[in-house]
């Protein structure tokens, strides 16, 4: 959801910094501090900017949404150990522990794997929301040409000296291409805005090695690896046209989660957070109200 032309600039989120698993982690908070907390985790190569539209939409529906930059991305420094699923899970538990009360956990794309790993490791939480969850390894379901190009891109970044590798990983042209490949909307202005969002986040990472570790984690692990260890109600929000998470794989994943519910948004792909912001926020807020009871806000802002 892009900002409406002619409207006032929204208020900046509250920003804080916490120490978590060796990372000085930047956390951006939206909404009333007294409202029920949602701790949201963005995807690979993103930052909190990617989830900001959804965070604002959920805040308008009565939630306090906290979005940290993943370690070694945005304004957060790297972990004190490997950037893998276990490392990210340890980090998320430390961030969540600063909140005082167990939050609702929300993860988008690779963030769904981070959340799932943390849930399986025992992080206290009230409910789980997975948006565009990774149900199968992304490189197994992607188009063959895209898989080859992705492997070649990150393989080249691994072989290059540090400075040119960073330039390659921060490439605006690659960010634009990636945005266009994932977009499903026919709205030209929305697509232009999404390209801009991907471009502004492309260079927001600490170093090449952390990106490559995160790439290995994002392409090797899935929510399915942890699905049997979800103790709380879990909502999966999938896109009907998501090439990285086809609907049939999402149905199978939901069936593996003890209290899993699947909601498929029509006509949208892997960029639900951009292309179907209000619809997704409405589904999430409505489901939380139904499953967690009064005080969880209504589906309407």
Protein backbone atom coordinates (compact mmCIF):
# COMPACT_ATOMS: atom_id res chain seq x y z
CA UNK A 1 0.00 0.00 0.00
CA UNK A 2 1.65 3.19 -1.17
CA UNK A 3 0.91 6.51 0.55
CA UNK A 4 -2.09 8.34 -0.93
CA UNK A 5 -1.09 11.43 -2.94
CA UNK A 6 -1.98 14.67 -1.22
CA UNK A 7 -2.22 13.18 2.27
CA UNK A 8 -0.07 14.34 5.15
CA UNK A 9 3.17 12.47 5.79
CA UNK A 10 2.49 9.82 8.46
CA UNK A 11 4.14 10.21 11.83
CA UNK A 12 7.53 8.56 12.14
CA UNK A 13 7.56 5.32 14.12
CA UNK A 14 9.03 5.19 17.60
CA UNK A 15 12.60 3.90 17.34
CA UNK A 16 14.61 2.08 19.97
CA UNK A 17 17.72 -0.08 20.09
CA UNK A 18 18.04 -3.37 21.96
CA UNK A 19 20.93 -5.78 22.44
CA UNK A 20 19.96 -9.21 21.16
CA UNK A 21 22.29 -12.14 20.45
CA UNK A 22 25.18 -9.74 19.91
CA UNK A 23 23.23 -7.50 17.54
CA UNK A 24 22.47 -3.90 18.32
CA UNK A 25 19.00 -4.19 16.89
CA UNK A 26 16.92 -1.25 15.69
CA UNK A 27 13.22 -1.68 16.50
CA UNK A 28 10.52 0.48 14.92
CA UNK A 29 7.15 0.67 16.68
CA UNK A 30 3.77 1.74 15.29
CA UNK A 31 0.55 2.41 17.16
CA UNK A 32 -0.57 2.88 20.74
CA UNK A 33 2.03 1.61 23.25
CA UNK A 34 -0.81 0.28 25.40
CA UNK A 35 -2.33 -1.80 22.58
CA UNK A 36 -1.76 -5.56 22.15
CA UNK A 37 1.73 -6.19 20.77
CA UNK A 38 2.56 -7.75 17.41
CA UNK A 39 6.26 -8.48 16.81
CA UNK A 40 6.77 -8.59 13.03
CA UNK A 41 9.76 -10.03 11.14
CA UNK A 42 10.53 -8.97 7.57
CA UNK A 43 11.97 -11.11 4.80
CA UNK A 44 15.35 -11.70 3.17
CA UNK A 45 17.05 -8.58 1.76
CA UNK A 46 14.36 -6.39 3.30
CA UNK A 47 14.24 -4.05 6.29
CA UNK A 48 11.47 -2.73 8.52
CA UNK A 49 10.47 -0.48 5.60
CA UNK A 50 8.97 -3.51 3.85
CA UNK A 51 6.51 -4.23 6.65
CA UNK A 52 5.76 -0.59 7.41
CA UNK A 53 2.52 -0.48 5.35
CA UNK A 54 1.14 -3.55 7.15
CA UNK A 55 2.38 -2.24 10.51
CA UNK A 56 0.54 1.04 10.00
CA UNK A 57 -2.61 -0.76 8.85
CA UNK A 58 -2.59 -3.01 11.91
CA UNK A 59 -1.84 -0.05 14.17
CA UNK A 60 -4.94 1.66 12.76
CA UNK A 61 -6.88 -1.43 13.81
CA UNK A 62 -5.77 -1.21 17.43
CA UNK A 63 -2.41 -2.99 17.62
CA UNK A 64 1.08 -1.97 18.67
CA UNK A 65 3.33 -3.35 15.92
CA UNK A 66 7.07 -3.63 16.49
CA UNK A 67 9.27 -4.29 13.46
CA UNK A 68 12.99 -4.87 14.06
CA UNK A 69 15.53 -4.76 11.28
CA UNK A 70 16.94 -8.27 11.01
CA UNK A 71 20.57 -8.54 12.19
CA UNK A 72 23.04 -7.13 9.65
CA UNK A 73 20.26 -5.35 7.75
CA UNK A 74 18.99 -1.80 7.92
CA UNK A 75 20.17 -0.17 11.13
CA UNK A 76 20.91 -3.45 12.97
CA UNK A 77 24.41 -4.86 13.44
CA UNK A 78 25.30 -8.54 12.82
CA UNK A 79 24.79 -11.42 15.23
CA UNK A 80 27.61 -12.75 17.37
CA UNK A 81 27.24 -16.09 15.59
CA UNK A 82 26.03 -17.54 12.29
CA UNK A 83 23.12 -15.90 10.49
CA UNK A 84 21.13 -19.11 10.21
CA UNK A 85 17.69 -20.21 11.39
CA UNK A 86 18.94 -21.08 14.88
CA UNK A 87 20.80 -17.79 15.18
CA UNK A 88 17.82 -15.75 14.07
CA UNK A 89 15.54 -17.69 16.45
CA UNK A 90 17.86 -16.93 19.37
CA UNK A 91 17.88 -13.28 18.33
CA UNK A 92 14.08 -13.06 18.04
CA UNK A 93 13.63 -14.59 21.49
CA UNK A 94 15.97 -11.96 22.93
CA UNK A 95 14.13 -9.12 21.19
CA UNK A 96 10.75 -10.47 22.30
CA UNK A 97 11.99 -10.83 25.87
CA UNK A 98 12.36 -7.05 26.07
CA UNK A 99 8.61 -6.57 25.55
CA UNK A 100 7.54 -7.82 28.95
CA UNK A 101 4.48 -9.76 27.77
CA UNK A 102 4.32 -12.45 25.07
CA UNK A 103 3.39 -10.90 21.71
CA UNK A 104 1.67 -12.13 18.62
CA UNK A 105 4.46 -13.16 16.24
CA UNK A 106 4.17 -12.22 12.56
CA UNK A 107 6.61 -13.18 9.83
CA UNK A 108 6.63 -12.39 6.12
CA UNK A 109 8.42 -14.63 3.61
CA UNK A 110 11.79 -15.61 5.16
CA UNK A 111 10.52 -13.93 8.31
CA UNK A 112 8.03 -16.80 8.52
CA UNK A 113 10.95 -19.23 8.84
CA UNK A 114 12.58 -17.09 11.54
CA UNK A 115 9.30 -17.01 13.48
CA UNK A 116 8.76 -20.75 13.01
CA UNK A 117 12.27 -21.57 14.26
CA UNK A 118 11.74 -19.36 17.31
CA UNK A 119 8.34 -20.94 18.04
CA UNK A 120 9.84 -24.43 17.84
CA UNK A 121 12.60 -23.31 20.23
CA UNK A 122 10.02 -22.23 22.80
CA UNK A 123 9.66 -18.45 22.44
CA UNK A 124 6.69 -17.24 24.54
CA UNK A 125 3.90 -15.98 22.28
CA UNK A 126 0.11 -15.66 22.05
CA UNK A 127 -0.46 -16.51 18.40
CA UNK A 128 1.39 -16.74 15.09
CA UNK A 129 0.68 -15.06 11.75
CA UNK A 130 2.66 -16.13 8.68
CA UNK A 131 2.29 -13.98 5.55
CA UNK A 132 3.51 -15.54 2.29
CA UNK A 133 5.03 -18.36 4.36
CA UNK A 134 7.89 -20.41 2.97
CA UNK A 135 6.31 -23.85 2.72
CA UNK A 136 8.95 -25.44 0.48
CA UNK A 137 12.54 -24.40 -0.36
CA UNK A 138 12.14 -21.35 -2.66
CA UNK A 139 14.61 -22.59 -5.23
CA UNK A 140 12.60 -25.80 -5.65
CA UNK A 141 9.41 -24.03 -6.73
CA UNK A 142 10.80 -21.00 -8.58
CA UNK A 143 11.05 -20.84 -12.34
CA UNK A 144 14.15 -22.64 -13.63
CA UNK A 145 15.68 -19.55 -15.21
CA UNK A 146 15.17 -17.53 -12.04
CA UNK A 147 16.80 -20.26 -9.96
CA UNK A 148 19.87 -20.35 -12.20
CA UNK A 149 20.16 -16.56 -12.17
CA UNK A 150 19.79 -16.39 -8.39
CA UNK A 151 22.45 -19.03 -7.78
CA UNK A 152 24.80 -17.32 -10.22
CA UNK A 153 24.23 -13.89 -8.65
CA UNK A 154 25.02 -14.94 -5.09
CA UNK A 155 27.78 -17.26 -6.28
CA UNK A 156 29.47 -14.34 -8.02
CA UNK A 157 29.08 -12.19 -4.90
CA UNK A 158 30.86 -14.90 -2.93
CA UNK A 159 33.80 -15.03 -5.34
CA UNK A 160 34.33 -11.30 -5.86
CA UNK A 161 36.55 -9.13 -3.64
CA UNK A 162 34.68 -7.39 -0.84
CA UNK A 163 34.09 -3.98 -2.45
CA UNK A 164 32.78 -5.12 -5.85
CA UNK A 165 30.75 -7.83 -4.10
CA UNK A 166 29.02 -5.17 -2.03
CA UNK A 167 28.30 -3.11 -5.15
CA UNK A 168 26.79 -6.16 -6.83
CA UNK A 169 24.59 -7.00 -3.85
CA UNK A 170 23.41 -3.37 -3.63
CA UNK A 171 22.66 -3.14 -7.36
CA UNK A 172 19.62 -0.98 -8.09
CA UNK A 173 19.14 -2.72 -11.43
CA UNK A 174 18.89 -6.11 -9.72
CA UNK A 175 16.44 -4.67 -7.18
CA UNK A 176 14.24 -3.34 -9.99
CA UNK A 177 14.33 -6.66 -11.85
CA UNK A 178 13.49 -8.61 -8.69
CA UNK A 179 10.59 -6.28 -7.94
CA UNK A 180 9.16 -6.69 -11.43
CA UNK A 181 9.48 -10.47 -11.34
CA UNK A 182 7.57 -10.71 -8.06
CA UNK A 183 4.88 -8.11 -8.75
CA UNK A 184 1.42 -9.24 -9.83
CA UNK A 185 -0.45 -5.92 -9.76
CA UNK A 186 -1.32 -4.21 -13.06
CA UNK A 187 -1.41 -0.80 -11.33
CA UNK A 188 1.50 1.09 -12.90
CA UNK A 189 1.82 3.58 -10.06
CA UNK A 190 1.83 0.82 -7.47
CA UNK A 191 4.50 -1.09 -9.40
CA UNK A 192 6.60 2.06 -9.67
CA UNK A 193 6.29 2.63 -5.93
CA UNK A 194 7.24 -0.99 -5.19
CA UNK A 195 10.32 -0.70 -7.39
CA UNK A 196 11.34 2.35 -5.40
CA UNK A 197 10.85 0.48 -2.13
CA UNK A 198 13.04 -2.41 -3.28
CA UNK A 199 15.71 -0.03 -4.56
CA UNK A 200 15.93 1.95 -1.32
CA UNK A 201 16.42 -1.25 0.68
CA UNK A 202 18.90 -2.93 -1.68
CA UNK A 203 22.03 -1.45 -0.11
CA UNK A 204 20.90 -1.56 3.52
CA UNK A 205 23.06 -4.42 4.78
CA UNK A 206 26.16 -4.65 6.96
CA UNK A 207 28.47 -6.82 4.89
CA UNK A 208 28.73 -9.42 2.16
CA UNK A 209 29.28 -12.41 4.45
CA UNK A 210 26.12 -11.79 6.47
CA UNK A 211 24.07 -11.53 3.26
CA UNK A 212 25.47 -14.81 1.97
CA UNK A 213 24.77 -16.55 5.28
CA UNK A 214 21.23 -15.20 5.21
CA UNK A 215 20.82 -16.35 1.59
CA UNK A 216 21.78 -19.89 2.60
CA UNK A 217 19.31 -19.78 5.49
CA UNK A 218 16.51 -18.34 3.36
CA UNK A 219 16.86 -20.95 0.62
CA UNK A 220 17.52 -23.97 2.81
CA UNK A 221 14.92 -23.81 5.56
CA UNK A 222 11.13 -23.80 5.53
CA UNK A 223 8.26 -23.40 7.97
CA UNK A 224 7.47 -27.05 7.31
CA UNK A 225 10.66 -28.00 9.18
CA UNK A 226 9.06 -26.73 12.41
CA UNK A 227 5.34 -27.13 11.72
CA UNK A 228 4.64 -29.87 14.26
CA UNK A 229 5.90 -27.72 17.14
CA UNK A 230 3.41 -24.84 16.96
CA UNK A 231 1.51 -24.74 20.28
CA UNK A 232 -0.59 -21.62 19.62
CA UNK A 233 -3.23 -20.65 17.04
CA UNK A 234 -1.56 -19.95 13.70
CA UNK A 235 -2.86 -18.03 10.68
CA UNK A 236 -1.30 -18.47 7.25
CA UNK A 237 -2.03 -15.68 4.76
CA UNK A 238 -1.11 -16.86 1.27
CA UNK A 239 -1.25 -15.29 -2.17
CA UNK A 240 -3.20 -17.08 -4.88
CA UNK A 241 -0.46 -16.26 -7.42
CA UNK A 242 2.62 -16.68 -5.22
CA UNK A 243 5.28 -18.49 -7.26
CA UNK A 244 7.42 -18.95 -4.13
CA UNK A 245 4.54 -20.48 -2.18
CA UNK A 246 1.96 -22.15 -4.43
CA UNK A 247 -1.44 -22.55 -2.79
CA UNK A 248 -1.27 -26.35 -2.72
CA UNK A 249 1.97 -26.22 -0.72
CA UNK A 250 0.31 -23.78 1.68
CA UNK A 251 -2.63 -26.14 2.17
CA UNK A 252 -0.26 -28.97 3.02
CA UNK A 253 1.65 -26.74 5.42
CA UNK A 254 -1.52 -25.58 7.20
CA UNK A 255 -2.54 -29.22 7.65
CA UNK A 256 0.74 -29.92 9.47
CA UNK A 257 0.24 -27.14 12.03
CA UNK A 258 -1.89 -28.36 14.97
CA UNK A 259 -4.13 -25.25 15.09
CA UNK A 260 -3.44 -23.83 11.64
CA UNK A 261 -5.83 -21.73 9.54
CA UNK A 262 -5.15 -20.82 5.91
CA UNK A 263 -6.55 -17.71 4.22
CA UNK A 264 -5.78 -17.23 0.52
CA UNK A 265 -5.94 -13.72 -0.92
CA UNK A 266 -7.06 -13.78 -4.57
CA UNK A 267 -5.05 -12.27 -7.41
CA UNK A 268 -1.90 -11.50 -5.43
CA UNK A 269 1.55 -13.09 -5.27
CA UNK A 270 4.52 -12.91 -2.90
CA UNK A 271 4.17 -9.18 -2.20
CA UNK A 272 1.00 -9.27 -0.09
CA UNK A 273 2.49 -6.66 2.24
CA UNK A 274 2.64 -4.18 -0.66
CA UNK A 275 -0.12 -5.25 -3.05
CA UNK A 276 -2.87 -6.26 -0.60
CA UNK A 277 -1.97 -4.33 2.54
CA UNK A 278 -5.47 -3.45 3.74
CA UNK A 279 -6.93 -6.84 2.87
CA UNK A 280 -4.16 -8.63 4.73
CA UNK A 281 -4.41 -6.36 7.76
CA UNK A 282 -8.17 -6.86 7.88
CA UNK A 283 -7.81 -10.64 7.77
CA UNK A 284 -5.13 -10.63 10.47
CA UNK A 285 -6.93 -8.24 12.81
CA UNK A 286 -10.23 -10.05 12.39
CA UNK A 287 -8.66 -13.44 13.06
CA UNK A 288 -6.83 -12.18 16.14
CA UNK A 289 -10.07 -10.77 17.49
CA UNK A 290 -11.81 -14.11 16.98
CA UNK A 291 -9.05 -16.29 18.39
CA UNK A 292 -7.67 -14.16 21.22
CA UNK A 293 -10.87 -12.45 22.33
CA UNK A 294 -11.79 -8.88 23.31
CA UNK A 295 -9.09 -6.25 23.21
CA UNK A 296 -7.54 -7.57 20.01
CA UNK A 297 -9.19 -4.92 17.81
CA UNK A 298 -11.67 -5.25 15.00
CA UNK A 299 -10.96 -5.94 11.36
CA UNK A 300 -12.01 -2.39 10.42
CA UNK A 301 -9.77 0.65 11.11
